[in-house]
N, C-alpha and C. Protein backbone atom coordinates (compact mmCIF):
# COMPACT_ATOMS: atom_id res chain seq x y z
N MET A 1 54.73 58.91 66.20
CA MET A 1 55.69 58.01 66.98
C MET A 1 55.26 58.00 68.62
N SER A 2 54.60 59.31 68.72
CA SER A 2 54.29 59.08 69.97
C SER A 2 53.44 58.09 70.50
N GLU A 3 52.34 58.32 69.75
CA GLU A 3 51.01 57.50 69.54
C GLU A 3 51.74 55.69 69.83
N GLU A 4 52.76 55.81 69.14
CA GLU A 4 53.15 53.81 69.35
C GLU A 4 53.66 53.60 70.42
N LYS A 5 54.74 54.70 70.75
CA LYS A 5 55.18 54.63 72.19
C LYS A 5 53.99 54.30 72.84
N GLY A 6 53.27 55.07 73.30
CA GLY A 6 52.17 54.95 74.07
C GLY A 6 51.85 53.78 74.27
N LYS A 7 51.21 53.11 73.34
CA LYS A 7 50.52 51.73 73.00
C LYS A 7 51.88 50.49 73.77
N ILE A 8 52.80 50.98 73.32
CA ILE A 8 54.21 49.79 74.12
C ILE A 8 54.09 49.97 75.56
N VAL A 9 54.02 51.41 76.03
CA VAL A 9 54.02 51.55 77.06
C VAL A 9 52.57 50.94 77.89
N SER A 10 51.43 51.06 77.47
CA SER A 10 49.98 50.26 77.79
C SER A 10 50.33 48.79 77.85
N MET A 11 50.84 48.58 76.74
CA MET A 11 51.13 46.95 76.88
C MET A 11 52.10 46.38 77.83
N ARG A 12 52.84 47.02 78.01
CA ARG A 12 53.81 46.74 78.90
C ARG A 12 53.43 46.60 80.50
N GLU A 13 52.83 47.74 80.37
CA GLU A 13 52.33 47.88 81.67
C GLU A 13 50.78 46.74 82.21
N TRP A 14 50.23 46.07 81.13
CA TRP A 14 49.20 45.23 80.72
C TRP A 14 50.23 43.87 81.39
N VAL A 15 51.04 43.80 80.74
CA VAL A 15 51.96 42.33 80.98
C VAL A 15 52.17 42.54 82.13
N VAL A 16 52.88 43.78 83.15
CA VAL A 16 53.56 43.54 84.16
C VAL A 16 52.50 43.53 84.98
N ASP A 17 51.15 43.57 85.06
CA ASP A 17 50.12 43.35 85.52
C ASP A 17 49.36 41.93 85.81
N HIS A 18 49.47 41.31 84.54
CA HIS A 18 48.97 40.02 84.32
C HIS A 18 50.30 39.22 84.01
N LYS A 19 51.32 39.35 84.71
CA LYS A 19 52.56 37.96 84.40
C LYS A 19 52.20 36.83 83.96
N LEU A 20 51.54 36.06 84.84
CA LEU A 20 50.97 34.95 84.99
C LEU A 20 49.95 34.41 83.71
N ARG A 21 49.07 35.23 83.49
CA ARG A 21 48.07 35.16 82.15
C ARG A 21 49.25 35.08 80.96
N THR A 22 49.97 36.28 80.92
CA THR A 22 50.85 36.54 79.38
C THR A 22 51.79 34.99 79.31
N VAL A 23 52.25 34.52 80.60
CA VAL A 23 52.91 33.10 80.43
C VAL A 23 52.07 31.84 79.95
N GLY A 24 50.62 31.95 80.44
CA GLY A 24 50.06 30.94 80.27
C GLY A 24 49.38 31.20 78.80
N CYS A 25 49.19 32.05 78.24
CA CYS A 25 48.76 32.54 76.85
C CYS A 25 50.09 31.99 76.04
N LEU A 26 51.42 32.56 76.63
CA LEU A 26 52.44 32.13 75.61
C LEU A 26 52.64 30.45 75.49
N TRP A 27 52.30 29.71 76.59
CA TRP A 27 52.64 28.60 76.54
C TRP A 27 51.41 27.92 75.82
N LEU A 28 50.21 28.35 75.71
CA LEU A 28 49.19 27.63 74.85
C LEU A 28 49.49 28.32 73.33
N SER A 29 49.78 29.05 72.90
CA SER A 29 49.95 29.60 71.74
C SER A 29 51.27 28.79 71.05
N GLY A 30 52.39 28.50 72.03
CA GLY A 30 53.22 27.84 71.38
C GLY A 30 53.15 26.28 71.18
N ILE A 31 52.44 25.91 72.36
CA ILE A 31 51.71 24.10 72.48
C ILE A 31 51.43 24.28 71.05
N THR A 32 49.98 25.09 70.88
CA THR A 32 49.26 24.99 69.49
C THR A 32 50.25 24.88 68.18
N GLY A 33 50.88 26.02 68.12
CA GLY A 33 51.72 26.26 67.19
C GLY A 33 52.60 25.58 66.69
N SER A 34 53.32 24.85 67.65
CA SER A 34 54.39 23.66 67.28
C SER A 34 53.51 22.56 67.06
N ILE A 35 52.17 22.16 68.13
CA ILE A 35 51.50 20.55 67.50
C ILE A 35 51.26 20.85 66.01
N ALA A 36 50.60 22.34 65.49
CA ALA A 36 50.49 22.35 64.05
C ALA A 36 51.52 22.13 63.32
N TYR A 37 52.53 22.35 63.53
CA TYR A 37 53.77 22.49 62.96
C TYR A 37 54.21 21.10 62.79
N ASN A 38 54.50 20.48 63.86
CA ASN A 38 55.03 18.92 64.03
C ASN A 38 53.84 18.02 63.40
N TRP A 39 52.47 18.22 63.07
CA TRP A 39 51.60 17.29 62.44
C TRP A 39 51.66 17.71 60.81
N SER A 40 52.46 18.84 60.45
CA SER A 40 52.42 19.35 58.80
C SER A 40 53.56 18.18 59.01
N GLN A 41 54.23 17.91 59.17
CA GLN A 41 55.56 16.71 59.06
C GLN A 41 55.09 15.23 58.75
N PRO A 42 54.86 14.58 57.69
CA PRO A 42 54.36 13.38 57.60
C PRO A 42 55.25 12.02 58.19
N ASN A 43 56.76 12.42 57.85
CA ASN A 43 57.49 11.39 58.45
C ASN A 43 57.68 11.20 59.75
N MET A 44 57.28 11.69 60.56
CA MET A 44 57.48 11.24 62.13
C MET A 44 56.08 10.88 62.77
N LYS A 45 56.36 10.06 63.81
CA LYS A 45 55.49 9.15 64.60
C LYS A 45 54.97 10.09 65.38
N THR A 46 53.69 9.78 66.08
CA THR A 46 52.66 10.69 66.49
C THR A 46 53.17 10.97 67.90
N SER A 47 54.09 10.11 68.89
CA SER A 47 54.44 10.17 69.96
C SER A 47 55.90 11.25 69.95
N VAL A 48 56.55 11.16 68.71
CA VAL A 48 57.57 12.15 68.82
C VAL A 48 57.00 13.66 68.39
N LYS A 49 56.11 13.77 67.63
CA LYS A 49 55.39 14.98 67.29
C LYS A 49 54.87 15.85 68.79
N ILE A 50 54.33 14.83 69.38
CA ILE A 50 54.01 15.38 70.69
C ILE A 50 55.29 15.35 71.90
N ILE A 51 56.04 14.73 71.91
CA ILE A 51 57.31 14.82 72.48
C ILE A 51 57.89 16.46 71.28
N HIS A 52 58.13 16.75 70.75
CA HIS A 52 58.74 17.91 70.19
C HIS A 52 58.17 19.28 70.57
N ALA A 53 56.45 18.92 70.48
CA ALA A 53 55.44 19.97 70.87
C ALA A 53 56.00 20.65 72.28
N ARG A 54 55.79 19.07 72.97
CA ARG A 54 55.96 19.71 74.38
C ARG A 54 57.39 20.83 74.97
N LEU A 55 58.43 20.09 74.13
CA LEU A 55 59.75 20.74 74.29
C LEU A 55 59.67 22.00 73.95
N HIS A 56 59.21 22.07 72.85
CA HIS A 56 58.74 23.60 72.22
C HIS A 56 58.31 24.34 73.03
N ALA A 57 57.41 24.10 73.97
CA ALA A 57 56.38 24.81 74.48
C ALA A 57 57.47 24.85 75.98
N GLN A 58 57.88 24.27 76.38
CA GLN A 58 58.79 24.54 77.42
C GLN A 58 59.69 25.79 77.26
N ALA A 59 60.66 25.17 76.47
CA ALA A 59 61.47 26.58 75.88
C ALA A 59 60.81 27.70 75.63
N LEU A 60 59.50 27.81 75.33
CA LEU A 60 58.92 29.27 75.26
C LEU A 60 58.60 30.08 76.59
N THR A 61 57.93 28.55 77.11
CA THR A 61 57.66 28.95 79.01
C THR A 61 59.01 29.67 79.52
N LEU A 62 59.94 28.78 79.18
CA LEU A 62 61.38 29.22 80.02
C LEU A 62 61.56 30.90 79.98
N ALA A 63 61.57 30.95 78.72
CA ALA A 63 61.97 32.38 77.53
C ALA A 63 60.74 33.28 78.33
N ALA A 64 59.44 32.91 78.46
CA ALA A 64 58.42 33.58 78.89
C ALA A 64 58.88 34.24 80.47
N LEU A 65 59.29 33.15 81.28
CA LEU A 65 59.57 33.45 82.56
C LEU A 65 60.63 34.41 82.46
N THR A 66 61.53 34.06 82.20
CA THR A 66 62.40 35.24 81.95
C THR A 66 62.47 36.40 81.66
N GLY A 67 61.58 36.74 80.69
CA GLY A 67 61.00 38.24 80.47
C GLY A 67 60.19 38.82 81.47
N ALA A 68 59.24 37.77 82.33
CA ALA A 68 58.50 38.39 83.68
C ALA A 68 59.68 38.85 84.55
N ALA A 69 60.82 37.65 84.86
CA ALA A 69 61.83 38.21 85.44
C ALA A 69 62.33 39.48 85.32
N VAL A 70 62.65 39.61 84.39
CA VAL A 70 63.56 41.20 84.00
C VAL A 70 62.25 42.02 84.06
N VAL A 71 61.03 42.01 83.98
CA VAL A 71 60.28 43.27 83.82
C VAL A 71 60.17 43.44 85.33
N GLU A 72 60.01 42.02 86.24
CA GLU A 72 59.88 42.09 87.64
C GLU A 72 61.15 43.37 88.27
N TYR A 73 62.15 42.55 87.98
CA TYR A 73 63.60 43.37 88.48
C TYR A 73 63.86 44.64 87.91
N TYR A 74 63.34 44.98 86.67
CA TYR A 74 63.22 46.35 86.34
C TYR A 74 62.28 47.31 86.88
N ASP A 75 61.13 46.93 87.49
CA ASP A 75 60.08 47.28 88.18
C ASP A 75 60.50 47.74 89.62
N ASN A 76 61.48 47.03 90.05
CA ASN A 76 61.85 46.94 91.65
C ASN A 76 62.88 47.90 91.68
N ILE A 77 63.99 48.28 90.21
CA ILE A 77 65.15 49.13 90.43
C ILE A 77 64.65 50.25 90.27
N SER A 78 63.65 50.46 89.10
CA SER A 78 63.03 51.64 88.91
C SER A 78 62.27 52.47 90.10
N GLY A 79 61.50 51.74 90.89
CA GLY A 79 60.79 52.32 91.91
C GLY A 79 59.21 52.01 91.43
N ALA A 80 59.08 51.39 90.13
CA ALA A 80 57.73 51.49 89.71
C ALA A 80 56.69 50.62 90.52
N LYS A 81 57.14 49.39 91.34
CA LYS A 81 56.57 48.69 91.86
C LYS A 81 55.82 48.92 92.81
N GLY A 82 56.90 49.85 93.60
CA GLY A 82 56.76 50.41 95.00
C GLY A 82 55.56 51.58 94.54
N GLU A 83 55.08 52.06 93.51
CA GLU A 83 54.24 53.08 93.37
C GLU A 83 52.77 52.10 93.03
N ARG A 84 53.07 51.33 92.51
CA ARG A 84 52.02 50.29 92.16
C ARG A 84 51.21 50.13 93.66
N VAL A 85 51.90 49.28 94.46
CA VAL A 85 51.71 49.03 95.60
C VAL A 85 51.21 49.97 96.68
N ALA A 86 51.85 51.02 96.44
CA ALA A 86 51.18 52.07 97.68
C ALA A 86 49.86 52.57 97.29
N LYS A 87 49.87 52.73 95.72
CA LYS A 87 48.47 53.09 95.28
C LYS A 87 47.29 51.58 95.71
N PHE A 88 47.59 50.83 95.82
CA PHE A 88 47.03 49.39 96.25
C PHE A 88 46.38 49.29 97.22
N LEU A 89 47.67 49.86 98.22
CA LEU A 89 47.59 50.00 99.63
C LEU A 89 46.61 51.15 100.05
N SER A 90 46.37 52.07 99.31
CA SER A 90 45.95 53.30 99.56
C SER A 90 44.17 53.16 98.73
N LEU A 91 44.28 52.19 98.10
CA LEU A 91 42.64 51.63 97.64
C LEU A 91 41.94 50.78 98.81
N GLY A 92 42.88 50.05 99.84
CA GLY A 92 42.47 49.51 100.50
C GLY A 92 41.84 50.24 101.78
N GLU A 93 42.61 51.63 101.48
CA GLU A 93 42.23 51.96 103.59
C GLU A 93 40.83 52.90 103.38
N HIS A 94 40.10 52.82 102.30
CA HIS A 94 38.94 53.26 102.05
C HIS A 94 37.72 52.10 102.56
N HIS A 95 38.17 51.10 102.66
CA HIS A 95 37.73 49.94 103.24
C HIS A 95 38.02 48.79 104.49
N HIS A 96 37.28 49.75 105.46
CA HIS A 96 37.48 49.16 106.76
C HIS A 96 36.81 47.77 106.97
N HIS A 97 37.10 46.80 107.25
CA HIS A 97 36.56 45.37 107.63
C HIS A 97 36.29 45.29 109.19
N LYS A 98 34.98 45.13 109.72
CA LYS A 98 34.89 45.01 111.15
C LYS A 98 35.13 43.30 111.11
N ASP A 99 35.74 43.03 112.44
CA ASP A 99 36.04 41.62 112.58
C ASP A 99 35.00 40.81 113.34
């Protein structure tokens, strides 16, 4: 049970760090799956199949963006985002650039 919880936490951290990549991958998989499903429907015109695939992908993208917003909100409430920003800023202190 603890190992499974560790995997969930590590997946959540990856999603938090790569929100745009996650949304893009969900959109791509959504449009691919929708096109595959719609192409299996023999009695639909090609234009209708494409329109349905686009609508499905848009709905999935909105759901993914909503999920990313919820994660961002939770991070702001819990203070986890502040910890990541502080860690990032402390890494930058070691690299001083000349003007």
